[in-house]
Amino acid sequence: MFLTTVTDLVAQPVWAQVLPFTDAPPKPEDVKAGWTAFALFLLLGVAVVLLAVSLVKQLKKTQVAKDAGVYGDAPAARRDSASSADSRDSGDSGDSGAPRGARASADPAGDPENHDHPTA
């Protein structure tokens, strides 16, 4: 109640001062749809579709790379067979307690990505 009263008290004098300086709206016969705006609208639609196709393509590439073990995880085939072998051998759920993505070997010399140790 209070807010609407304050809004009415402020809005009416402001509109009374601003309204005389505004332009008159165009007549309906002066307004027409333009081909330029329609073309821009179509181009924006095409751009959105191309971006969506590119996104799907990149997501498929990253899934294939993840399955191949590029991001430090075990490759999908080894990960699936290793987790099923672990659960059969130990009878647990396959959670070894190691953080996800941790390497099995702590030996830095055996790591092909480790460039600190010279190879013979």
PDB file of N, CA and C in Angstrom:
ATOM      1  N   MET A   1       0.822  -1.180   0.000  1.00  0.00           N
ATOM      2  CA  MET A   1       0.000   0.000   0.000  1.00  0.00           C
ATOM      3  C   MET A   1       0.871   1.250   0.000  1.00  0.00           C
ATOM      4  N   PHE A   2       1.857   1.263   0.895  1.00  0.00           N
ATOM      5  CA  PHE A   2       2.724   2.430   0.995  1.00  0.00           C
ATOM      6  C   PHE A   2       3.551   2.613  -0.282  1.00  0.00           C
ATOM      7  N   LEU A   3       4.051   1.491  -0.822  1.00  0.00           N
ATOM      8  CA  LEU A   3       4.894   1.554  -2.014  1.00  0.00           C
ATOM      9  C   LEU A   3       4.111   2.065  -3.220  1.00  0.00           C
ATOM     10  N   THR A   4       2.909   1.616  -3.391  1.00  0.00           N
ATOM     11  CA  THR A   4       2.122   2.094  -4.536  1.00  0.00           C
ATOM     12  C   THR A   4       1.790   3.569  -4.391  1.00  0.00           C
ATOM     13  N   THR A   5       1.548   4.039  -3.189  1.00  0.00           N
ATOM     14  CA  THR A   5       1.259   5.457  -2.965  1.00  0.00           C
ATOM     15  C   THR A   5       2.485   6.299  -3.292  1.00  0.00           C
ATOM     16  N   VAL A   6       3.653   5.855  -2.841  1.00  0.00           N
ATOM     17  CA  VAL A   6       4.891   6.595  -3.124  1.00  0.00           C
ATOM     18  C   VAL A   6       5.178   6.567  -4.616  1.00  0.00           C
ATOM     19  N   THR A   7       4.987   5.428  -5.254  1.00  0.00           N
ATOM     20  CA  THR A   7       5.223   5.324  -6.693  1.00  0.00           C
ATOM     21  C   THR A   7       4.295   6.257  -7.456  1.00  0.00           C
ATOM     22  N   ASP A   8       3.049   6.273  -7.071  1.00  0.00           N
ATOM     23  CA  ASP A   8       2.100   7.177  -7.736  1.00  0.00           C
ATOM     24  C   ASP A   8       2.477   8.634  -7.515  1.00  0.00           C
ATOM     25  N   LEU A   9       2.919   8.968  -6.339  1.00  0.00           N
ATOM     26  CA  LEU A   9       3.280  10.357  -6.037  1.00  0.00           C
ATOM     27  C   LEU A   9       4.516  10.796  -6.818  1.00  0.00           C
ATOM     28  N   VAL A  10       5.440   9.867  -7.058  1.00  0.00           N
ATOM     29  CA  VAL A  10       6.672  10.207  -7.768  1.00  0.00           C
ATOM     30  C   VAL A  10       6.468  10.092  -9.276  1.00  0.00           C
ATOM     31  N   ALA A  11       5.758   9.074  -9.716  1.00  0.00           N
ATOM     32  CA  ALA A  11       5.634   8.815 -11.150  1.00  0.00           C
ATOM     33  C   ALA A  11       4.801   9.873 -11.863  1.00  0.00           C
ATOM     34  N   GLN A  12       3.735  10.313 -11.273  1.00  0.00           N
ATOM     35  CA  GLN A  12       2.864  11.283 -11.948  1.00  0.00           C
ATOM     36  C   GLN A  12       3.580  12.593 -12.259  1.00  0.00           C
ATOM     37  N   PRO A  13       4.305  13.199 -11.303  1.00  0.00           N
ATOM     38  CA  PRO A  13       5.006  14.441 -11.655  1.00  0.00           C
ATOM     39  C   PRO A  13       6.136  14.224 -12.663  1.00  0.00           C
ATOM     40  N   VAL A  14       6.815  13.071 -12.572  1.00  0.00           N
ATOM     41  CA  VAL A  14       7.906  12.800 -13.515  1.00  0.00           C
ATOM     42  C   VAL A  14       7.344  12.651 -14.920  1.00  0.00           C
ATOM     43  N   TRP A  15       6.276  11.872 -15.087  1.00  0.00           N
ATOM     44  CA  TRP A  15       5.671  11.717 -16.407  1.00  0.00           C
ATOM     45  C   TRP A  15       5.139  13.046 -16.933  1.00  0.00           C
ATOM     46  N   ALA A  16       4.622  13.850 -16.067  1.00  0.00           N
ATOM     47  CA  ALA A  16       4.099  15.150 -16.498  1.00  0.00           C
ATOM     48  C   ALA A  16       5.215  16.031 -17.053  1.00  0.00           C
ATOM     49  N   GLN A  17       6.420  15.897 -16.522  1.00  0.00           N
ATOM     50  CA  GLN A  17       7.550  16.696 -16.995  1.00  0.00           C
ATOM     51  C   GLN A  17       8.213  16.095 -18.233  1.00  0.00           C
ATOM     52  N   VAL A  18       8.234  14.770 -18.352  1.00  0.00           N
ATOM     53  CA  VAL A  18       8.953  14.086 -19.429  1.00  0.00           C
ATOM     54  C   VAL A  18       8.100  13.939 -20.682  1.00  0.00           C
ATOM     55  N   LEU A  19       6.835  13.703 -20.549  1.00  0.00           N
ATOM     56  CA  LEU A  19       5.957  13.405 -21.675  1.00  0.00           C
ATOM     57  C   LEU A  19       5.959  14.459 -22.780  1.00  0.00           C
ATOM     58  N   PRO A  20       6.003  15.743 -22.476  1.00  0.00           N
ATOM     59  CA  PRO A  20       6.017  16.731 -23.567  1.00  0.00           C
ATOM     60  C   PRO A  20       7.261  16.655 -24.450  1.00  0.00           C
ATOM     61  N   PHE A  21       8.361  16.088 -23.954  1.00  0.00           N
ATOM     62  CA  PHE A  21       9.600  16.044 -24.730  1.00  0.00           C
ATOM     63  C   PHE A  21       9.737  14.789 -25.580  1.00  0.00           C
ATOM     64  N   THR A  22       8.830  13.871 -25.449  1.00  0.00           N
ATOM     65  CA  THR A  22       8.907  12.638 -26.240  1.00  0.00           C
ATOM     66  C   THR A  22       8.323  12.857 -27.621  1.00  0.00           C
ATOM     67  N   ASP A  23       8.805  12.093 -28.571  1.00  0.00           N
ATOM     68  CA  ASP A  23       8.291  12.164 -29.936  1.00  0.00           C
ATOM     69  C   ASP A  23       6.948  11.447 -30.018  1.00  0.00           C
ATOM     70  N   ALA A  24       6.186  11.853 -30.966  1.00  0.00           N
ATOM     71  CA  ALA A  24       4.908  11.170 -31.204  1.00  0.00           C
ATOM     72  C   ALA A  24       5.206   9.816 -31.834  1.00  0.00           C
ATOM     73  N   PRO A  25       4.437   8.798 -31.505  1.00  0.00           N
ATOM     74  CA  PRO A  25       4.690   7.490 -32.115  1.00  0.00           C
ATOM     75  C   PRO A  25       4.404   7.542 -33.614  1.00  0.00           C
ATOM     76  N   PRO A  26       5.107   6.697 -34.393  1.00  0.00           N
ATOM     77  CA  PRO A  26       4.864   6.716 -35.839  1.00  0.00           C
ATOM     78  C   PRO A  26       3.480   6.185 -36.173  1.00  0.00           C
ATOM     79  N   LYS A  27       2.980   6.597 -37.294  1.00  0.00           N
ATOM     80  CA  LYS A  27       1.671   6.122 -37.749  1.00  0.00           C
ATOM     81  C   LYS A  27       1.814   4.681 -38.230  1.00  0.00           C
ATOM     82  N   PRO A  28       0.767   3.883 -38.109  1.00  0.00           N
ATOM     83  CA  PRO A  28       0.853   2.473 -38.525  1.00  0.00           C
ATOM     84  C   PRO A  28       1.250   2.301 -39.984  1.00  0.00           C
ATOM     85  N   GLU A  29       0.883   3.206 -40.863  1.00  0.00           N
ATOM     86  CA  GLU A  29       1.248   3.061 -42.273  1.00  0.00           C
ATOM     87  C   GLU A  29       2.718   3.397 -42.525  1.00  0.00           C
ATOM     88  N   ASP A  30       3.388   4.054 -41.543  1.00  0.00           N
ATOM     89  CA  ASP A  30       4.809   4.374 -41.685  1.00  0.00           C
ATOM     90  C   ASP A  30       5.720   3.248 -41.198  1.00  0.00           C
ATOM     91  N   VAL A  31       5.167   2.290 -40.496  1.00  0.00           N
ATOM     92  CA  VAL A  31       5.968   1.202 -39.941  1.00  0.00           C
ATOM     93  C   VAL A  31       5.817  -0.024 -40.819  1.00  0.00           C
ATOM     94  N   LYS A  32       6.947  -0.587 -41.236  1.00  0.00           N
ATOM     95  CA  LYS A  32       6.913  -1.807 -42.026  1.00  0.00           C
ATOM     96  C   LYS A  32       8.091  -2.693 -41.631  1.00  0.00           C
ATOM     97  N   ALA A  33       7.901  -3.958 -41.815  1.00  0.00           N
ATOM     98  CA  ALA A  33       8.962  -4.911 -41.496  1.00  0.00           C
ATOM     99  C   ALA A  33      10.049  -4.792 -42.556  1.00  0.00           C
ATOM    100  N   GLY A  34      11.288  -4.860 -42.115  1.00  0.00           N
ATOM    101  CA  GLY A  34      12.407  -4.726 -43.044  1.00  0.00           C
ATOM    102  C   GLY A  34      13.046  -6.055 -43.365  1.00  0.00           C
ATOM    103  N   TRP A  35      13.542  -6.162 -44.583  1.00  0.00           N
ATOM    104  CA  TRP A  35      14.219  -7.380 -45.009  1.00  0.00           C
ATOM    105  C   TRP A  35      15.572  -7.533 -44.320  1.00  0.00           C
ATOM    106  N   THR A  36      16.181  -6.408 -43.973  1.00  0.00           N
ATOM    107  CA  THR A  36      17.486  -6.472 -43.312  1.00  0.00           C
ATOM    108  C   THR A  36      17.359  -7.144 -41.941  1.00  0.00           C
ATOM    109  N   ALA A  37      16.368  -6.751 -41.178  1.00  0.00           N
ATOM    110  CA  ALA A  37      16.170  -7.357 -39.863  1.00  0.00           C
ATOM    111  C   ALA A  37      15.814  -8.836 -39.991  1.00  0.00           C
ATOM    112  N   PHE A  38      15.026  -9.180 -40.991  1.00  0.00           N
ATOM    113  CA  PHE A  38      14.668 -10.581 -41.209  1.00  0.00           C
ATOM    114  C   PHE A  38      15.912 -11.402 -41.560  1.00  0.00           C
ATOM    115  N   ALA A  39      16.783 -10.839 -42.408  1.00  0.00           N
ATOM    116  CA  ALA A  39      18.016 -11.538 -42.776  1.00  0.00           C
ATOM    117  C   ALA A  39      18.917 -11.725 -41.556  1.00  0.00           C
ATOM    118  N   LEU A  40      19.020 -10.692 -40.703  1.00  0.00           N
ATOM    119  CA  LEU A  40      19.818 -10.825 -39.486  1.00  0.00           C
ATOM    120  C   LEU A  40      19.241 -11.889 -38.560  1.00  0.00           C
ATOM    121  N   PHE A  41      17.925 -11.936 -38.477  1.00  0.00           N
ATOM    122  CA  PHE A  41      17.265 -12.951 -37.656  1.00  0.00           C
ATOM    123  C   PHE A  41      17.601 -14.353 -38.174  1.00  0.00           C
ATOM    124  N   LEU A  42      17.542 -14.540 -39.479  1.00  0.00           N
ATOM    125  CA  LEU A  42      17.875 -15.846 -40.053  1.00  0.00           C
ATOM    126  C   LEU A  42      19.346 -16.193 -39.834  1.00  0.00           C
ATOM    127  N   LEU A  43      20.233 -15.205 -39.988  1.00  0.00           N
ATOM    128  CA  LEU A  43      21.661 -15.450 -39.758  1.00  0.00           C
ATOM    129  C   LEU A  43      21.928 -15.828 -38.303  1.00  0.00           C
ATOM    130  N   LEU A  44      21.244 -15.191 -37.379  1.00  0.00           N
ATOM    131  CA  LEU A  44      21.412 -15.558 -35.978  1.00  0.00           C
ATOM    132  C   LEU A  44      20.918 -16.982 -35.726  1.00  0.00           C
ATOM    133  N   GLY A  45      19.836 -17.357 -36.369  1.00  0.00           N
ATOM    134  CA  GLY A  45      19.344 -18.729 -36.240  1.00  0.00           C
ATOM    135  C   GLY A  45      20.349 -19.743 -36.772  1.00  0.00           C
ATOM    136  N   VAL A  46      20.935 -19.436 -37.926  1.00  0.00           N
ATOM    137  CA  VAL A  46      21.948 -20.323 -38.512  1.00  0.00           C
ATOM    138  C   VAL A  46      23.170 -20.402 -37.599  1.00  0.00           C
ATOM    139  N   ALA A  47      23.573 -19.270 -37.029  1.00  0.00           N
ATOM    140  CA  ALA A  47      24.724 -19.264 -36.118  1.00  0.00           C
ATOM    141  C   ALA A  47      24.463 -20.138 -34.897  1.00  0.00           C
ATOM    142  N   VAL A  48      23.268 -20.080 -34.353  1.00  0.00           N
ATOM    143  CA  VAL A  48      22.933 -20.908 -33.184  1.00  0.00           C
ATOM    144  C   VAL A  48      22.986 -22.389 -33.549  1.00  0.00           C
ATOM    145  N   VAL A  49      22.468 -22.731 -34.707  1.00  0.00           N
ATOM    146  CA  VAL A  49      22.495 -24.135 -35.138  1.00  0.00           C
ATOM    147  C   VAL A  49      23.936 -24.603 -35.332  1.00  0.00           C
ATOM    148  N   LEU A  50      24.768 -23.777 -35.963  1.00  0.00           N
ATOM    149  CA  LEU A  50      26.174 -24.156 -36.162  1.00  0.00           C
ATOM    150  C   LEU A  50      26.902 -24.306 -34.829  1.00  0.00           C
ATOM    151  N   LEU A  51      26.631 -23.420 -33.893  1.00  0.00           N
ATOM    152  CA  LEU A  51      27.251 -23.552 -32.575  1.00  0.00           C
ATOM    153  C   LEU A  51      26.803 -24.828 -31.872  1.00  0.00           C
ATOM    154  N   ALA A  52      25.548 -25.182 -32.000  1.00  0.00           N
ATOM    155  CA  ALA A  52      25.050 -26.413 -31.383  1.00  0.00           C
ATOM    156  C   ALA A  52      25.704 -27.644 -31.999  1.00  0.00           C
ATOM    157  N   VAL A  53      25.845 -27.657 -33.323  1.00  0.00           N
ATOM    158  CA  VAL A  53      26.493 -28.782 -34.002  1.00  0.00           C
ATOM    159  C   VAL A  53      27.957 -28.882 -33.565  1.00  0.00           C
ATOM    160  N   SER A  54      28.637 -27.741 -33.481  1.00  0.00           N
ATOM    161  CA  SER A  54      30.033 -27.742 -33.048  1.00  0.00           C
ATOM    162  C   SER A  54      30.163 -28.230 -31.612  1.00  0.00           C
ATOM    163  N   LEU A  55      29.253 -27.815 -30.741  1.00  0.00           N
ATOM    164  CA  LEU A  55      29.287 -28.256 -29.349  1.00  0.00           C
ATOM    165  C   LEU A  55      29.142 -29.772 -29.258  1.00  0.00           C
ATOM    166  N   VAL A  56      28.196 -30.325 -29.984  1.00  0.00           N
ATOM    167  CA  VAL A  56      27.989 -31.775 -29.958  1.00  0.00           C
ATOM    168  C   VAL A  56      29.237 -32.495 -30.466  1.00  0.00           C
ATOM    169  N   LYS A  57      29.837 -31.968 -31.514  1.00  0.00           N
ATOM    170  CA  LYS A  57      31.054 -32.573 -32.073  1.00  0.00           C
ATOM    171  C   LYS A  57      32.192 -32.558 -31.044  1.00  0.00           C
ATOM    172  N   GLN A  58      32.384 -31.418 -30.370  1.00  0.00           N
ATOM    173  CA  GLN A  58      33.454 -31.320 -29.381  1.00  0.00           C
ATOM    174  C   GLN A  58      33.193 -32.224 -28.176  1.00  0.00           C
ATOM    175  N   LEU A  59      31.939 -32.327 -27.759  1.00  0.00           N
ATOM    176  CA  LEU A  59      31.622 -33.210 -26.639  1.00  0.00           C
ATOM    177  C   LEU A  59      31.891 -34.670 -26.986  1.00  0.00           C
ATOM    178  N   LYS A  60      31.617 -35.060 -28.225  1.00  0.00           N
ATOM    179  CA  LYS A  60      31.919 -36.428 -28.648  1.00  0.00           C
ATOM    180  C   LYS A  60      33.425 -36.661 -28.655  1.00  0.00           C
ATOM    181  N   LYS A  61      34.197 -35.664 -29.125  1.00  0.00           N
ATOM    182  CA  LYS A  61      35.655 -35.796 -29.143  1.00  0.00           C
ATOM    183  C   LYS A  61      36.216 -35.940 -27.731  1.00  0.00           C
ATOM    184  N   THR A  62      35.700 -35.139 -26.796  1.00  0.00           N
ATOM    185  CA  THR A  62      36.209 -35.228 -25.432  1.00  0.00           C
ATOM    186  C   THR A  62      35.827 -36.550 -24.777  1.00  0.00           C
ATOM    187  N   GLN A  63      34.658 -37.087 -25.103  1.00  0.00           N
ATOM    188  CA  GLN A  63      34.272 -38.385 -24.546  1.00  0.00           C
ATOM    189  C   GLN A  63      35.184 -39.488 -25.074  1.00  0.00           C
ATOM    190  N   VAL A  64      35.509 -39.426 -26.368  1.00  0.00           N
ATOM    191  CA  VAL A  64      36.426 -40.414 -26.944  1.00  0.00           C
ATOM    192  C   VAL A  64      37.800 -40.287 -26.299  1.00  0.00           C
ATOM    193  N   ALA A  65      38.277 -39.051 -26.089  1.00  0.00           N
ATOM    194  CA  ALA A  65      39.580 -38.842 -25.456  1.00  0.00           C
ATOM    195  C   ALA A  65      39.559 -39.333 -24.011  1.00  0.00           C
ATOM    196  N   LYS A  66      38.466 -39.091 -23.301  1.00  0.00           N
ATOM    197  CA  LYS A  66      38.365 -39.567 -21.923  1.00  0.00           C
ATOM    198  C   LYS A  66      38.382 -41.087 -21.883  1.00  0.00           C
ATOM    199  N   ASP A  67      37.650 -41.714 -22.803  1.00  0.00           N
ATOM    200  CA  ASP A  67      37.635 -43.175 -22.859  1.00  0.00           C
ATOM    201  C   ASP A  67      39.010 -43.739 -23.201  1.00  0.00           C
ATOM    202  N   ALA A  68      39.820 -42.971 -23.936  1.00  0.00           N
ATOM    203  CA  ALA A  68      41.168 -43.417 -24.292  1.00  0.00           C
ATOM    204  C   ALA A  68      42.169 -43.148 -23.174  1.00  0.00           C
ATOM    205  N   GLY A  69      41.777 -42.413 -22.136  1.00  0.00           N
ATOM    206  CA  GLY A  69      42.675 -42.155 -21.016  1.00  0.00           C
ATOM    207  C   GLY A  69      43.532 -40.932 -21.185  1.00  0.00           C
ATOM    208  N   VAL A  70      43.169 -40.018 -22.057  1.00  0.00           N
ATOM    209  CA  VAL A  70      43.983 -38.827 -22.316  1.00  0.00           C
ATOM    210  C   VAL A  70      44.049 -37.907 -21.102  1.00  0.00           C
ATOM    211  N   TYR A  71      43.009 -37.843 -20.306  1.00  0.00           N
ATOM    212  CA  TYR A  71      42.938 -36.881 -19.207  1.00  0.00           C
ATOM    213  C   TYR A  71      43.493 -37.417 -17.894  1.00  0.00           C
ATOM    214  N   GLY A  72      44.239 -38.486 -17.929  1.00  0.00           N
ATOM    215  CA  GLY A  72      44.865 -39.018 -16.725  1.00  0.00           C
ATOM    216  C   GLY A  72      44.094 -40.160 -16.090  1.00  0.00           C
ATOM    217  N   ASP A  73      42.854 -40.375 -16.512  1.00  0.00           N
ATOM    218  CA  ASP A  73      42.098 -41.522 -16.014  1.00  0.00           C
ATOM    219  C   ASP A  73      42.558 -42.767 -16.757  1.00  0.00           C
ATOM    220  N   ALA A  74      42.254 -43.911 -16.194  1.00  0.00           N
ATOM    221  CA  ALA A  74      42.546 -45.151 -16.902  1.00  0.00           C
ATOM    222  C   ALA A  74      41.614 -45.250 -18.101  1.00  0.00           C
ATOM    223  N   PRO A  75      42.090 -45.791 -19.218  1.00  0.00           N
ATOM    224  CA  PRO A  75      41.199 -45.959 -20.373  1.00  0.00           C
ATOM    225  C   PRO A  75      39.962 -46.759 -19.996  1.00  0.00           C
ATOM    226  N   ALA A  76      38.888 -46.542 -20.710  1.00  0.00           N
ATOM    227  CA  ALA A  76      37.586 -47.123 -20.365  1.00  0.00           C
ATOM    228  C   ALA A  76      37.627 -48.641 -20.326  1.00  0.00           C
ATOM    229  N   ALA A  77      38.271 -49.288 -21.286  1.00  0.00           N
ATOM    230  CA  ALA A  77      38.301 -50.754 -21.324  1.00  0.00           C
ATOM    231  C   ALA A  77      39.061 -51.306 -20.123  1.00  0.00           C
ATOM    232  N   ARG A  78      40.212 -50.716 -19.793  1.00  0.00           N
ATOM    233  CA  ARG A  78      40.978 -51.187 -18.646  1.00  0.00           C
ATOM    234  C   ARG A  78      40.266 -50.852 -17.346  1.00  0.00           C
ATOM    235  N   ARG A  79      39.644 -49.680 -17.286  1.00  0.00           N
ATOM    236  CA  ARG A  79      38.959 -49.261 -16.073  1.00  0.00           C
ATOM    237  C   ARG A  79      37.790 -50.204 -15.784  1.00  0.00           C
ATOM    238  N   ASP A  80      37.023 -50.563 -16.807  1.00  0.00           N
ATOM    239  CA  ASP A  80      35.882 -51.453 -16.613  1.00  0.00           C
ATOM    240  C   ASP A  80      36.341 -52.849 -16.198  1.00  0.00           C
ATOM    241  N   SER A  81      37.365 -53.375 -16.871  1.00  0.00           N
ATOM    242  CA  SER A  81      37.825 -54.726 -16.535  1.00  0.00           C
ATOM    243  C   SER A  81      38.538 -54.738 -15.184  1.00  0.00           C
ATOM    244  N   ALA A  82      39.249 -53.677 -14.858  1.00  0.00           N
ATOM    245  CA  ALA A  82      39.957 -53.620 -13.578  1.00  0.00           C
ATOM    246  C   ALA A  82      38.967 -53.507 -12.431  1.00  0.00           C
ATOM    247  N   SER A  83      37.931 -52.724 -12.587  1.00  0.00           N
ATOM    248  CA  SER A  83      36.969 -52.578 -11.488  1.00  0.00           C
ATOM    249  C   SER A  83      36.178 -53.867 -11.294  1.00  0.00           C
ATOM    250  N   SER A  84      35.877 -54.582 -12.376  1.00  0.00           N
ATOM    251  CA  SER A  84      35.165 -55.848 -12.207  1.00  0.00           C
ATOM    252  C   SER A  84      36.094 -56.907 -11.610  1.00  0.00           C
ATOM    253  N   ALA A  85      37.385 -56.888 -11.969  1.00  0.00           N
ATOM    254  CA  ALA A  85      38.336 -57.843 -11.398  1.00  0.00           C
ATOM    255  C   ALA A  85      38.560 -57.542  -9.922  1.00  0.00           C
ATOM    256  N   ASP A  86      38.642 -56.253  -9.548  1.00  0.00           N
ATOM    257  CA  ASP A  86      38.822 -55.888  -8.146  1.00  0.00           C
ATOM    258  C   ASP A  86      37.643 -56.327  -7.310  1.00  0.00           C
ATOM    259  N   SER A  87      36.460 -56.123  -7.825  1.00  0.00           N
ATOM    260  CA  SER A  87      35.280 -56.474  -7.038  1.00  0.00           C
ATOM    261  C   SER A  87      35.144 -57.988  -6.911  1.00  0.00           C
ATOM    262  N   ARG A  88      35.598 -58.753  -7.913  1.00  0.00           N
ATOM    263  CA  ARG A  88      35.544 -60.217  -7.809  1.00  0.00           C
ATOM    264  C   ARG A  88      36.599 -60.721  -6.838  1.00  0.00           C
ATOM    265  N   ASP A  89      37.814 -60.123  -6.892  1.00  0.00           N
ATOM    266  CA  ASP A  89      38.901 -60.604  -6.044  1.00  0.00           C
ATOM    267  C   ASP A  89      38.691 -60.257  -4.581  1.00  0.00           C
ATOM    268  N   SER A  90      38.359 -59.025  -4.299  1.00  0.00           N
ATOM    269  CA  SER A  90      38.295 -58.591  -2.908  1.00  0.00           C
ATOM    270  C   SER A  90      36.890 -58.620  -2.343  1.00  0.00           C
ATOM    271  N   GLY A  91      35.890 -58.731  -3.191  1.00  0.00           N
ATOM    272  CA  GLY A  91      34.529 -58.784  -2.713  1.00  0.00           C
ATOM    273  C   GLY A  91      33.973 -57.434  -2.314  1.00  0.00           C
ATOM    274  N   ASP A  92      34.713 -56.362  -2.592  1.00  0.00           N
ATOM    275  CA  ASP A  92      34.200 -55.039  -2.233  1.00  0.00           C
ATOM    276  C   ASP A  92      33.600 -54.367  -3.456  1.00  0.00           C
ATOM    277  N   SER A  93      33.245 -53.111  -3.311  1.00  0.00           N
ATOM    278  CA  SER A  93      32.548 -52.397  -4.383  1.00  0.00           C
ATOM    279  C   SER A  93      33.489 -51.890  -5.465  1.00  0.00           C
ATOM    280  N   GLY A  94      34.773 -52.124  -5.354  1.00  0.00           N
ATOM    281  CA  GLY A  94      35.724 -51.658  -6.350  1.00  0.00           C
ATOM    282  C   GLY A  94      36.360 -50.341  -5.970  1.00  0.00           C
ATOM    283  N   ASP A  95      36.016 -49.761  -4.830  1.00  0.00           N
ATOM    284  CA  ASP A  95      36.602 -48.498  -4.390  1.00  0.00           C
ATOM    285  C   ASP A  95      37.859 -48.821  -3.600  1.00  0.00           C
ATOM    286  N   SER A  96      39.013 -48.459  -4.119  1.00  0.00           N
ATOM    287  CA  SER A  96      40.269 -48.802  -3.470  1.00  0.00           C
ATOM    288  C   SER A  96      40.687 -47.776  -2.443  1.00  0.00           C
ATOM    289  N   GLY A  97      39.949 -46.690  -2.314  1.00  0.00           N
ATOM    290  CA  GLY A  97      40.315 -45.656  -1.367  1.00  0.00           C
ATOM    291  C   GLY A  97      41.212 -44.598  -1.974  1.00  0.00           C
ATOM    292  N   ALA A  98      41.753 -44.836  -3.158  1.00  0.00           N
ATOM    293  CA  ALA A  98      42.601 -43.854  -3.825  1.00  0.00           C
ATOM    294  C   ALA A  98      41.721 -42.792  -4.463  1.00  0.00           C
ATOM    295  N   PRO A  99      42.222 -41.575  -4.548  1.00  0.00           N
ATOM    296  CA  PRO A  99      41.430 -40.542  -5.197  1.00  0.00           C
ATOM    297  C   PRO A  99      41.188 -40.876  -6.656  1.00  0.00           C
ATOM    298  N   ARG A 100      40.055 -40.436  -7.151  1.00  0.00           N
ATOM    299  CA  ARG A 100      39.711 -40.724  -8.541  1.00  0.00           C
ATOM    300  C   ARG A 100      40.727 -40.062  -9.460  1.00  0.00           C
ATOM    301  N   GLY A 101      41.223 -40.794 -10.426  1.00  0.00           N
ATOM    302  CA  GLY A 101      42.195 -40.266 -11.369  1.00  0.00           C
ATOM    303  C   GLY A 101      43.633 -40.391 -10.869  1.00  0.00           C
ATOM    304  N   ALA A 102      43.852 -40.966  -9.676  1.00  0.00           N
ATOM    305  CA  ALA A 102      45.203 -41.117  -9.156  1.00  0.00           C
ATOM    306  C   ALA A 102      45.920 -42.208  -9.932  1.00  0.00           C
ATOM    307  N   ARG A 103      47.209 -42.031 -10.112  1.00  0.00           N
ATOM    308  CA  ARG A 103      47.996 -43.019 -10.844  1.00  0.00           C
ATOM    309  C   ARG A 103      48.297 -44.217  -9.944  1.00  0.00           C
ATOM    310  N   ALA A 104      48.368 -45.382 -10.560  1.00  0.00           N
ATOM    311  CA  ALA A 104      48.621 -46.603  -9.811  1.00  0.00           C
ATOM    312  C   ALA A 104      50.067 -46.664  -9.331  1.00  0.00           C
ATOM    313  N   SER A 105      50.991 -46.117 -10.106  1.00  0.00           N
ATOM    314  CA  SER A 105      52.404 -46.191  -9.773  1.00  0.00           C
ATOM    315  C   SER A 105      52.873 -44.862  -9.199  1.00  0.00           C
ATOM    316  N   ALA A 106      53.585 -44.924  -8.075  1.00  0.00           N
ATOM    317  CA  ALA A 106      54.146 -43.710  -7.494  1.00  0.00           C
ATOM    318  C   ALA A 106      55.562 -43.485  -7.980  1.00  0.00           C
ATOM    319  N   ASP A 107      56.077 -44.336  -8.853  1.00  0.00           N
ATOM    320  CA  ASP A 107      57.435 -44.231  -9.369  1.00  0.00           C
ATOM    321  C   ASP A 107      57.477 -43.166 -10.465  1.00  0.00           C
ATOM    322  N   PRO A 108      58.156 -42.026 -10.239  1.00  0.00           N
ATOM    323  CA  PRO A 108      58.183 -40.985 -11.264  1.00  0.00           C
ATOM    324  C   PRO A 108      58.981 -41.382 -12.493  1.00  0.00           C
ATOM    325  N   ALA A 109      59.911 -42.313 -12.358  1.00  0.00           N
ATOM    326  CA  ALA A 109      60.706 -42.721 -13.518  1.00  0.00           C
ATOM    327  C   ALA A 109      59.873 -43.532 -14.490  1.00  0.00           C
ATOM    328  N   GLY A 110      58.848 -44.211 -14.007  1.00  0.00           N
ATOM    329  CA  GLY A 110      58.002 -45.015 -14.868  1.00  0.00           C
ATOM    330  C   GLY A 110      56.896 -44.209 -15.542  1.00  0.00           C
ATOM    331  N   ASP A 111      56.798 -42.950 -15.208  1.00  0.00           N
ATOM    332  CA  ASP A 111      55.753 -42.094 -15.762  1.00  0.00           C
ATOM    333  C   ASP A 111      56.230 -41.505 -17.087  1.00  0.00           C
ATOM    334  N   PRO A 112      55.571 -41.801 -18.220  1.00  0.00           N
ATOM    335  CA  PRO A 112      56.034 -41.283 -19.495  1.00  0.00           C
ATOM    336  C   PRO A 112      55.855 -39.774 -19.624  1.00  0.00           C
ATOM    337  N   GLU A 113      55.020 -39.176 -18.778  1.00  0.00           N
ATOM    338  CA  GLU A 113      54.804 -37.727 -18.842  1.00  0.00           C
ATOM    339  C   GLU A 113      55.759 -36.961 -17.947  1.00  0.00           C
ATOM    340  N   ASN A 114      56.544 -37.654 -17.139  1.00  0.00           N
ATOM    341  CA  ASN A 114      57.479 -37.010 -16.235  1.00  0.00           C
ATOM    342  C   ASN A 114      58.775 -36.707 -16.984  1.00  0.00           C
ATOM    343  N   HIS A 115      59.085 -35.435 -17.129  1.00  0.00           N
ATOM    344  CA  HIS A 115      60.275 -35.034 -17.887  1.00  0.00           C
ATOM    345  C   HIS A 115      61.436 -34.675 -16.974  1.00  0.00           C
ATOM    346  N   ASP A 116      61.306 -34.887 -15.661  1.00  0.00           N
ATOM    347  CA  ASP A 116      62.378 -34.549 -14.727  1.00  0.00           C
ATOM    348  C   ASP A 116      63.488 -35.601 -14.698  1.00  0.00           C
ATOM    349  N   HIS A 117      63.148 -36.824 -15.013  1.00  0.00           N
ATOM    350  CA  HIS A 117      64.137 -37.892 -14.972  1.00  0.00           C
ATOM    351  C   HIS A 117      64.573 -38.239 -16.397  1.00  0.00           C
ATOM    352  N   PRO A 118      65.878 -38.251 -16.626  1.00  0.00           N
ATOM    353  CA  PRO A 118      66.348 -38.616 -17.972  1.00  0.00           C
ATOM    354  C   PRO A 118      66.133 -40.100 -18.229  1.00  0.00           C
ATOM    355  N   THR A 119      65.848 -40.424 -19.477  1.00  0.00           N
ATOM    356  CA  THR A 119      65.696 -41.823 -19.854  1.00  0.00           C
ATOM    357  C   THR A 119      66.922 -42.260 -20.610  1.00  0.00           C
ATOM    358  N   ALA A 120      67.284 -43.503 -20.455  1.00  0.00           N
ATOM    359  CA  ALA A 120      68.503 -44.001 -21.092  1.00  0.00           C
ATOM    360  C   ALA A 120      68.237 -44.494 -22.477  1.00  0.00           C
TER     361      ALA A 120
END
